[in-house]
Amino acid sequence: MYTYIWNKYLPVIRILLKKSSGGDQLLSLNRDDFERAGTGRKAGYKFVIEYTEGKVSNVISGSDLASHLAAAMLEDPATRVVLKTGHFQVILNTKFQLTIKNITPLPAESLAVAVSETE
């Protein structure tokens, strides 16, 4: 139902995933695409998908919108490679803004350098 819409946005989502190591990324989506496609109003148009090492690590089965995005991302080989590199959150809010966060913990040595630079 929503897969063809997510596939349309997938190239941009992949780019934002790569850029997310430098900070949170935001993508504004076209509300009409989703409202025409299905019954999102009943389930709500917001969700959080967490990916850990290339796999969905939270429960998203209650949202077709989230499930279809997760499937589209995991079925795309280039996106799957990026997802395997860390821990990501993909968040859709009620304003149809998709936020992509890279929440991969810093390695201990990088963390020590970052702390010493702020002192």
C-alpha atoms as a PDB file:
ATOM      1  CA  MET A   1       0.000   0.000   0.000  1.00  0.00           C
ATOM      2  CA  TYR A   2       2.709   2.541   0.975  1.00  0.00           C
ATOM      3  CA  THR A   3       5.714   0.762  -0.526  1.00  0.00           C
ATOM      4  CA  TYR A   4       5.613   2.608  -3.856  1.00  0.00           C
ATOM      5  CA  ILE A   5       5.576   5.951  -1.999  1.00  0.00           C
ATOM      6  CA  TRP A   6       8.551   4.996   0.177  1.00  0.00           C
ATOM      7  CA  ASN A   7      10.438   3.753  -2.874  1.00  0.00           C
ATOM      8  CA  LYS A   8      10.012   7.232  -4.371  1.00  0.00           C
ATOM      9  CA  TYR A   9      11.693   8.798  -1.314  1.00  0.00           C
ATOM     10  CA  LEU A  10      14.311   6.059  -0.832  1.00  0.00           C
ATOM     11  CA  PRO A  11      17.192   7.696  -2.773  1.00  0.00           C
ATOM     12  CA  VAL A  12      16.916  10.829  -0.610  1.00  0.00           C
ATOM     13  CA  ILE A  13      16.515   8.788   2.589  1.00  0.00           C
ATOM     14  CA  ARG A  14      19.711   6.889   1.718  1.00  0.00           C
ATOM     15  CA  ILE A  15      21.645  10.145   1.273  1.00  0.00           C
ATOM     16  CA  LEU A  16      20.295  11.488   4.574  1.00  0.00           C
ATOM     17  CA  LEU A  17      21.269   8.257   6.348  1.00  0.00           C
ATOM     18  CA  LYS A  18      24.840   8.767   5.187  1.00  0.00           C
ATOM     19  CA  LYS A  19      24.820  12.425   6.237  1.00  0.00           C
ATOM     20  CA  SER A  20      23.305  11.641   9.650  1.00  0.00           C
ATOM     21  CA  SER A  21      26.733  10.948  11.176  1.00  0.00           C
ATOM     22  CA  GLY A  22      27.198  14.728  11.142  1.00  0.00           C
ATOM     23  CA  GLY A  23      23.841  15.481  12.784  1.00  0.00           C
ATOM     24  CA  ASP A  24      20.113  14.864  12.551  1.00  0.00           C
ATOM     25  CA  GLN A  25      18.627  15.047   9.056  1.00  0.00           C
ATOM     26  CA  LEU A  26      15.108  16.231   8.192  1.00  0.00           C
ATOM     27  CA  LEU A  27      13.024  15.406   5.123  1.00  0.00           C
ATOM     28  CA  SER A  28       9.634  17.015   4.558  1.00  0.00           C
ATOM     29  CA  LEU A  29       7.250  14.598   2.858  1.00  0.00           C
ATOM     30  CA  ASN A  30       4.187  15.291   0.710  1.00  0.00           C
ATOM     31  CA  ARG A  31       1.142  14.728   2.933  1.00  0.00           C
ATOM     32  CA  ASP A  32      -1.141  14.126  -0.072  1.00  0.00           C
ATOM     33  CA  ASP A  33       0.893  11.080  -1.165  1.00  0.00           C
ATOM     34  CA  PHE A  34       0.090   9.318   2.102  1.00  0.00           C
ATOM     35  CA  GLU A  35      -3.495  10.468   2.549  1.00  0.00           C
ATOM     36  CA  ARG A  36      -4.418   9.236  -0.934  1.00  0.00           C
ATOM     37  CA  ALA A  37      -2.685   5.896  -0.384  1.00  0.00           C
ATOM     38  CA  GLY A  38      -4.519   4.542   2.601  1.00  0.00           C
ATOM     39  CA  THR A  39      -5.915   4.494   6.068  1.00  0.00           C
ATOM     40  CA  GLY A  40      -3.118   6.215   7.960  1.00  0.00           C
ATOM     41  CA  ARG A  41      -5.520   8.462   9.857  1.00  0.00           C
ATOM     42  CA  LYS A  42      -6.782   5.497  11.875  1.00  0.00           C
ATOM     43  CA  ALA A  43      -3.311   4.322  12.880  1.00  0.00           C
ATOM     44  CA  GLY A  44      -1.825   7.813  12.991  1.00  0.00           C
ATOM     45  CA  TYR A  45       0.858   9.258  10.808  1.00  0.00           C
ATOM     46  CA  LYS A  46       3.707   9.041  13.289  1.00  0.00           C
ATOM     47  CA  PHE A  47       6.189   6.358  14.195  1.00  0.00           C
ATOM     48  CA  VAL A  48       9.751   5.584  15.256  1.00  0.00           C
ATOM     49  CA  ILE A  49      11.799   2.844  13.614  1.00  0.00           C
ATOM     50  CA  GLU A  50      15.072   1.843  15.242  1.00  0.00           C
ATOM     51  CA  TYR A  51      17.724   0.016  13.268  1.00  0.00           C
ATOM     52  CA  THR A  52      20.604  -1.687  15.041  1.00  0.00           C
ATOM     53  CA  GLU A  53      23.307  -3.219  12.847  1.00  0.00           C
ATOM     54  CA  GLY A  54      20.988  -3.475   9.872  1.00  0.00           C
ATOM     55  CA  LYS A  55      17.921  -4.879  11.631  1.00  0.00           C
ATOM     56  CA  VAL A  56      14.755  -3.306  13.004  1.00  0.00           C
ATOM     57  CA  SER A  57      15.174  -3.377  16.777  1.00  0.00           C
ATOM     58  CA  ASN A  58      11.780  -2.122  17.969  1.00  0.00           C
ATOM     59  CA  VAL A  59       8.165  -3.184  17.445  1.00  0.00           C
ATOM     60  CA  ILE A  60       6.550  -1.467  14.442  1.00  0.00           C
ATOM     61  CA  SER A  61       3.924  -4.036  13.519  1.00  0.00           C
ATOM     62  CA  GLY A  62       1.091  -1.713  14.572  1.00  0.00           C
ATOM     63  CA  SER A  63       1.844   0.746  11.774  1.00  0.00           C
ATOM     64  CA  ASP A  64       1.607  -0.210   8.102  1.00  0.00           C
ATOM     65  CA  LEU A  65       3.338   3.062   7.251  1.00  0.00           C
ATOM     66  CA  ALA A  66       6.357   2.160   9.402  1.00  0.00           C
ATOM     67  CA  SER A  67       6.395  -1.489   8.342  1.00  0.00           C
ATOM     68  CA  HIS A  68       6.405  -0.592   4.657  1.00  0.00           C
ATOM     69  CA  LEU A  69       9.215   1.941   5.116  1.00  0.00           C
ATOM     70  CA  ALA A  70      11.292  -0.558   7.102  1.00  0.00           C
ATOM     71  CA  ALA A  71      10.778  -3.208   4.407  1.00  0.00           C
ATOM     72  CA  ALA A  72      11.652  -0.793   1.591  1.00  0.00           C
ATOM     73  CA  MET A  73      14.839   0.282   3.364  1.00  0.00           C
ATOM     74  CA  LEU A  74      15.936  -3.275   4.121  1.00  0.00           C
ATOM     75  CA  GLU A  75      15.165  -4.500   0.586  1.00  0.00           C
ATOM     76  CA  ASP A  76      17.380  -1.823  -0.973  1.00  0.00           C
ATOM     77  CA  PRO A  77      20.958  -3.169  -1.032  1.00  0.00           C
ATOM     78  CA  ALA A  78      22.694   0.240  -0.784  1.00  0.00           C
ATOM     79  CA  THR A  79      20.504   1.372   2.119  1.00  0.00           C
ATOM     80  CA  ARG A  80      20.986  -1.947   3.901  1.00  0.00           C
ATOM     81  CA  VAL A  81      24.789  -1.466   3.743  1.00  0.00           C
ATOM     82  CA  VAL A  82      24.495   1.932   5.449  1.00  0.00           C
ATOM     83  CA  LEU A  83      22.112   0.573   8.099  1.00  0.00           C
ATOM     84  CA  LYS A  84      24.612  -2.150   9.008  1.00  0.00           C
ATOM     85  CA  THR A  85      27.150   0.489  10.042  1.00  0.00           C
ATOM     86  CA  GLY A  86      25.430   1.555  13.238  1.00  0.00           C
ATOM     87  CA  HIS A  87      22.319   2.450  15.195  1.00  0.00           C
ATOM     88  CA  PHE A  88      19.753   4.713  13.524  1.00  0.00           C
ATOM     89  CA  GLN A  89      16.326   6.126  14.339  1.00  0.00           C
ATOM     90  CA  VAL A  90      13.869   7.059  11.601  1.00  0.00           C
ATOM     91  CA  ILE A  91      11.060   9.187  13.024  1.00  0.00           C
ATOM     92  CA  LEU A  92       7.926  10.454  11.291  1.00  0.00           C
ATOM     93  CA  ASN A  93       5.955  13.183  13.040  1.00  0.00           C
ATOM     94  CA  THR A  94       2.395  14.390  12.429  1.00  0.00           C
ATOM     95  CA  LYS A  95       3.696  17.220  10.181  1.00  0.00           C
ATOM     96  CA  PHE A  96       5.015  14.628   7.711  1.00  0.00           C
ATOM     97  CA  GLN A  97       8.618  15.366   8.597  1.00  0.00           C
ATOM     98  CA  LEU A  98      10.956  12.394   8.558  1.00  0.00           C
ATOM     99  CA  THR A  99      13.904  12.794  10.922  1.00  0.00           C
ATOM    100  CA  ILE A 100      16.897  10.515  10.585  1.00  0.00           C
ATOM    101  CA  LYS A 101      19.221  10.217  13.570  1.00  0.00           C
ATOM    102  CA  ASN A 102      22.483   8.341  13.798  1.00  0.00           C
ATOM    103  CA  ILE A 103      22.672   7.340  17.459  1.00  0.00           C
ATOM    104  CA  THR A 104      25.669   5.052  17.118  1.00  0.00           C
ATOM    105  CA  PRO A 105      27.817   5.404  20.249  1.00  0.00           C
ATOM    106  CA  LEU A 106      31.234   6.912  19.649  1.00  0.00           C
ATOM    107  CA  PRO A 107      34.190   4.570  20.119  1.00  0.00           C
ATOM    108  CA  ALA A 108      35.850   5.101  23.515  1.00  0.00           C
ATOM    109  CA  GLU A 109      38.963   6.749  22.027  1.00  0.00           C
ATOM    110  CA  SER A 110      36.894   9.210  19.953  1.00  0.00           C
ATOM    111  CA  LEU A 111      34.818  10.017  23.012  1.00  0.00           C
ATOM    112  CA  ALA A 112      37.950  10.789  25.042  1.00  0.00           C
ATOM    113  CA  VAL A 113      39.192  13.148  22.299  1.00  0.00           C
ATOM    114  CA  ALA A 114      35.800  14.862  22.078  1.00  0.00           C
ATOM    115  CA  VAL A 115      35.696  15.390  25.856  1.00  0.00           C
ATOM    116  CA  SER A 116      39.262  16.754  25.990  1.00  0.00           C
ATOM    117  CA  GLU A 117      38.472  19.203  23.178  1.00  0.00           C
ATOM    118  CA  THR A 118      35.568  20.694  25.126  1.00  0.00           C
ATOM    119  CA  GLU A 119      37.608  21.279  28.281  1.00  0.00           C
END
